[in-house]
Amino acid sequence: MFTQAPHQRMSRALAKTLGYRALMIVITVAVAFWFTGNTGEALSIGLVANLVKTGTYYGYERLWDRISWGVNPGE
């Protein structure tokens, strides 16, 4: 199940991760601001939560890139 090499370069996975997380920071800060009404608290919540999630997503993405299940050969 884990014998296949990754389908994408590490730099591509990292670029995808950072782009996605930037979008999620904006959404998290907006929602936190809506609940708290405080810009500083909203930024803190958004940045800390997404810093942790960025590393988690990157590792998850790299793990799935090595699993051949559901991937057509030659792609």
N, C-alpha and C. Protein backbone atom coordinates (compact mmCIF):
# COMPACT_ATOMS: atom_id res chain seq x y z
N MET A 1 0.81 -1.20 0.00
CA MET A 1 0.00 0.00 0.00
C MET A 1 0.86 1.27 0.00
N PHE A 2 2.02 1.28 0.64
CA PHE A 2 2.88 2.45 0.70
C PHE A 2 4.12 2.32 -0.18
N THR A 3 4.10 1.44 -1.17
CA THR A 3 5.30 1.20 -1.97
C THR A 3 5.47 2.20 -3.10
N GLN A 4 4.46 2.90 -3.46
CA GLN A 4 4.52 3.83 -4.57
C GLN A 4 5.19 5.14 -4.17
N ALA A 5 6.00 5.68 -5.08
CA ALA A 5 6.67 6.97 -4.85
C ALA A 5 5.63 8.09 -4.91
N PRO A 6 5.91 9.23 -4.30
CA PRO A 6 4.98 10.36 -4.35
C PRO A 6 4.69 10.79 -5.79
N HIS A 7 3.49 11.30 -6.04
CA HIS A 7 3.10 11.77 -7.36
C HIS A 7 3.47 13.22 -7.61
N GLN A 8 3.76 13.94 -6.58
CA GLN A 8 4.09 15.36 -6.74
C GLN A 8 5.33 15.70 -5.93
N ARG A 9 6.00 16.74 -6.38
CA ARG A 9 7.20 17.17 -5.64
C ARG A 9 6.80 17.76 -4.30
N MET A 10 7.72 17.70 -3.36
CA MET A 10 7.48 18.23 -2.03
C MET A 10 7.18 19.73 -2.11
N SER A 11 7.83 20.46 -3.02
CA SER A 11 7.60 21.90 -3.14
C SER A 11 6.16 22.19 -3.58
N ARG A 12 5.59 21.34 -4.42
CA ARG A 12 4.20 21.53 -4.85
C ARG A 12 3.25 21.31 -3.66
N ALA A 13 3.49 20.24 -2.91
CA ALA A 13 2.65 19.96 -1.75
C ALA A 13 2.76 21.11 -0.74
N LEU A 14 3.94 21.65 -0.56
CA LEU A 14 4.13 22.77 0.36
C LEU A 14 3.41 24.02 -0.14
N ALA A 15 3.50 24.31 -1.43
CA ALA A 15 2.81 25.48 -2.00
C ALA A 15 1.29 25.34 -1.83
N LYS A 16 0.76 24.15 -2.09
CA LYS A 16 -0.67 23.90 -1.92
C LYS A 16 -1.07 24.08 -0.46
N THR A 17 -0.25 23.57 0.43
CA THR A 17 -0.53 23.67 1.86
C THR A 17 -0.58 25.12 2.30
N LEU A 18 0.42 25.91 1.92
CA LEU A 18 0.48 27.30 2.36
C LEU A 18 -0.65 28.14 1.77
N GLY A 19 -0.99 27.90 0.50
CA GLY A 19 -2.11 28.62 -0.12
C GLY A 19 -3.43 28.31 0.57
N TYR A 20 -3.65 27.04 0.84
CA TYR A 20 -4.88 26.63 1.51
C TYR A 20 -4.94 27.20 2.92
N ARG A 21 -3.84 27.13 3.64
CA ARG A 21 -3.83 27.62 5.02
C ARG A 21 -4.04 29.13 5.06
N ALA A 22 -3.49 29.88 4.10
CA ALA A 22 -3.71 31.33 4.07
C ALA A 22 -5.20 31.63 3.96
N LEU A 23 -5.88 30.90 3.10
CA LEU A 23 -7.33 31.06 2.96
C LEU A 23 -8.04 30.72 4.27
N MET A 24 -7.61 29.65 4.92
CA MET A 24 -8.24 29.24 6.17
C MET A 24 -7.98 30.24 7.30
N ILE A 25 -6.82 30.90 7.30
CA ILE A 25 -6.54 31.94 8.30
C ILE A 25 -7.55 33.07 8.16
N VAL A 26 -7.77 33.51 6.93
CA VAL A 26 -8.72 34.59 6.69
C VAL A 26 -10.11 34.21 7.18
N ILE A 27 -10.53 33.00 6.87
CA ILE A 27 -11.87 32.55 7.29
C ILE A 27 -11.95 32.43 8.80
N THR A 28 -10.93 31.84 9.43
CA THR A 28 -10.94 31.67 10.89
C THR A 28 -10.95 33.01 11.61
N VAL A 29 -10.13 33.95 11.14
CA VAL A 29 -10.08 35.29 11.76
C VAL A 29 -11.44 35.98 11.61
N ALA A 30 -12.04 35.86 10.45
CA ALA A 30 -13.35 36.50 10.22
C ALA A 30 -14.41 35.92 11.16
N VAL A 31 -14.43 34.61 11.29
CA VAL A 31 -15.41 33.97 12.18
C VAL A 31 -15.12 34.33 13.64
N ALA A 32 -13.85 34.30 14.03
CA ALA A 32 -13.49 34.65 15.41
C ALA A 32 -13.85 36.10 15.71
N PHE A 33 -13.65 36.99 14.75
CA PHE A 33 -14.02 38.40 14.95
C PHE A 33 -15.53 38.53 15.09
N TRP A 34 -16.26 37.78 14.31
CA TRP A 34 -17.71 37.83 14.39
C TRP A 34 -18.19 37.43 15.78
N PHE A 35 -17.52 36.43 16.39
CA PHE A 35 -17.91 35.98 17.72
C PHE A 35 -17.39 36.88 18.83
N THR A 36 -16.14 37.36 18.70
CA THR A 36 -15.53 38.12 19.79
C THR A 36 -15.70 39.62 19.66
N GLY A 37 -15.74 40.11 18.43
CA GLY A 37 -15.80 41.55 18.21
C GLY A 37 -14.47 42.24 18.49
N ASN A 38 -13.42 41.46 18.71
CA ASN A 38 -12.10 41.99 19.06
C ASN A 38 -11.08 41.56 18.01
N THR A 39 -10.47 42.53 17.36
CA THR A 39 -9.51 42.24 16.29
C THR A 39 -8.31 41.47 16.80
N GLY A 40 -7.75 41.86 17.93
CA GLY A 40 -6.57 41.19 18.48
C GLY A 40 -6.84 39.74 18.83
N GLU A 41 -7.95 39.50 19.49
CA GLU A 41 -8.31 38.12 19.83
C GLU A 41 -8.57 37.30 18.58
N ALA A 42 -9.25 37.88 17.62
CA ALA A 42 -9.55 37.16 16.38
C ALA A 42 -8.27 36.78 15.65
N LEU A 43 -7.31 37.70 15.58
CA LEU A 43 -6.02 37.39 14.93
C LEU A 43 -5.27 36.31 15.69
N SER A 44 -5.26 36.38 17.00
CA SER A 44 -4.58 35.36 17.80
C SER A 44 -5.20 33.98 17.57
N ILE A 45 -6.50 33.91 17.62
CA ILE A 45 -7.20 32.64 17.40
C ILE A 45 -6.89 32.11 16.00
N GLY A 46 -7.00 32.97 15.01
CA GLY A 46 -6.78 32.55 13.63
C GLY A 46 -5.37 32.10 13.37
N LEU A 47 -4.39 32.81 13.89
CA LEU A 47 -2.99 32.46 13.63
C LEU A 47 -2.55 31.20 14.36
N VAL A 48 -2.87 31.09 15.63
CA VAL A 48 -2.44 29.92 16.41
C VAL A 48 -3.12 28.65 15.88
N ALA A 49 -4.42 28.70 15.70
CA ALA A 49 -5.14 27.51 15.22
C ALA A 49 -4.60 27.06 13.87
N ASN A 50 -4.34 27.99 12.99
CA ASN A 50 -3.92 27.62 11.65
C ASN A 50 -2.44 27.26 11.56
N LEU A 51 -1.65 27.73 12.46
CA LEU A 51 -0.25 27.30 12.50
C LEU A 51 -0.18 25.80 12.79
N VAL A 52 -0.94 25.36 13.76
CA VAL A 52 -0.99 23.93 14.10
C VAL A 52 -1.58 23.13 12.93
N LYS A 53 -2.63 23.62 12.35
CA LYS A 53 -3.30 22.91 11.27
C LYS A 53 -2.44 22.83 10.01
N THR A 54 -1.58 23.81 9.78
CA THR A 54 -0.72 23.80 8.59
C THR A 54 0.21 22.59 8.60
N GLY A 55 0.88 22.36 9.70
CA GLY A 55 1.77 21.21 9.81
C GLY A 55 1.02 19.89 9.69
N THR A 56 -0.14 19.84 10.30
CA THR A 56 -0.96 18.64 10.25
C THR A 56 -1.41 18.35 8.81
N TYR A 57 -1.87 19.36 8.11
CA TYR A 57 -2.34 19.17 6.73
C TYR A 57 -1.20 18.75 5.81
N TYR A 58 -0.05 19.36 5.96
CA TYR A 58 1.10 19.02 5.12
C TYR A 58 1.47 17.54 5.29
N GLY A 59 1.56 17.08 6.51
CA GLY A 59 1.87 15.68 6.76
C GLY A 59 0.80 14.76 6.20
N TYR A 60 -0.44 15.12 6.36
CA TYR A 60 -1.56 14.34 5.85
C TYR A 60 -1.51 14.25 4.32
N GLU A 61 -1.24 15.37 3.68
CA GLU A 61 -1.13 15.43 2.22
C GLU A 61 0.01 14.54 1.72
N ARG A 62 1.14 14.59 2.39
CA ARG A 62 2.29 13.78 1.97
C ARG A 62 2.01 12.29 2.19
N LEU A 63 1.33 11.95 3.25
CA LEU A 63 0.98 10.56 3.50
C LEU A 63 0.06 10.03 2.39
N TRP A 64 -0.98 10.76 2.08
CA TRP A 64 -1.91 10.32 1.04
C TRP A 64 -1.26 10.26 -0.33
N ASP A 65 -0.25 11.08 -0.57
CA ASP A 65 0.42 11.06 -1.86
C ASP A 65 1.18 9.76 -2.07
N ARG A 66 1.45 9.01 -1.03
CA ARG A 66 2.16 7.75 -1.13
C ARG A 66 1.23 6.54 -1.19
N ILE A 67 -0.05 6.75 -1.06
CA ILE A 67 -1.01 5.66 -1.09
C ILE A 67 -1.55 5.52 -2.50
N SER A 68 -1.44 4.35 -3.06
CA SER A 68 -1.84 4.14 -4.46
C SER A 68 -3.32 3.83 -4.61
N TRP A 69 -4.02 3.56 -3.55
CA TRP A 69 -5.43 3.24 -3.61
C TRP A 69 -6.23 4.38 -4.27
N GLY A 70 -7.02 4.05 -5.28
CA GLY A 70 -7.88 5.02 -5.93
C GLY A 70 -7.20 5.90 -6.96
N VAL A 71 -5.94 5.64 -7.26
CA VAL A 71 -5.19 6.43 -8.24
C VAL A 71 -5.01 5.58 -9.49
N ASN A 72 -5.31 6.17 -10.66
CA ASN A 72 -5.11 5.45 -11.90
C ASN A 72 -3.64 5.35 -12.21
N PRO A 73 -3.16 4.18 -12.66
CA PRO A 73 -1.74 4.03 -13.02
C PRO A 73 -1.36 4.99 -14.13
N GLY A 74 -0.15 5.48 -14.06
CA GLY A 74 0.37 6.38 -15.09
C GLY A 74 0.04 7.84 -14.88
N GLU A 75 -0.68 8.17 -13.84
CA GLU A 75 -1.00 9.59 -13.58
C GLU A 75 -0.02 10.19 -12.63
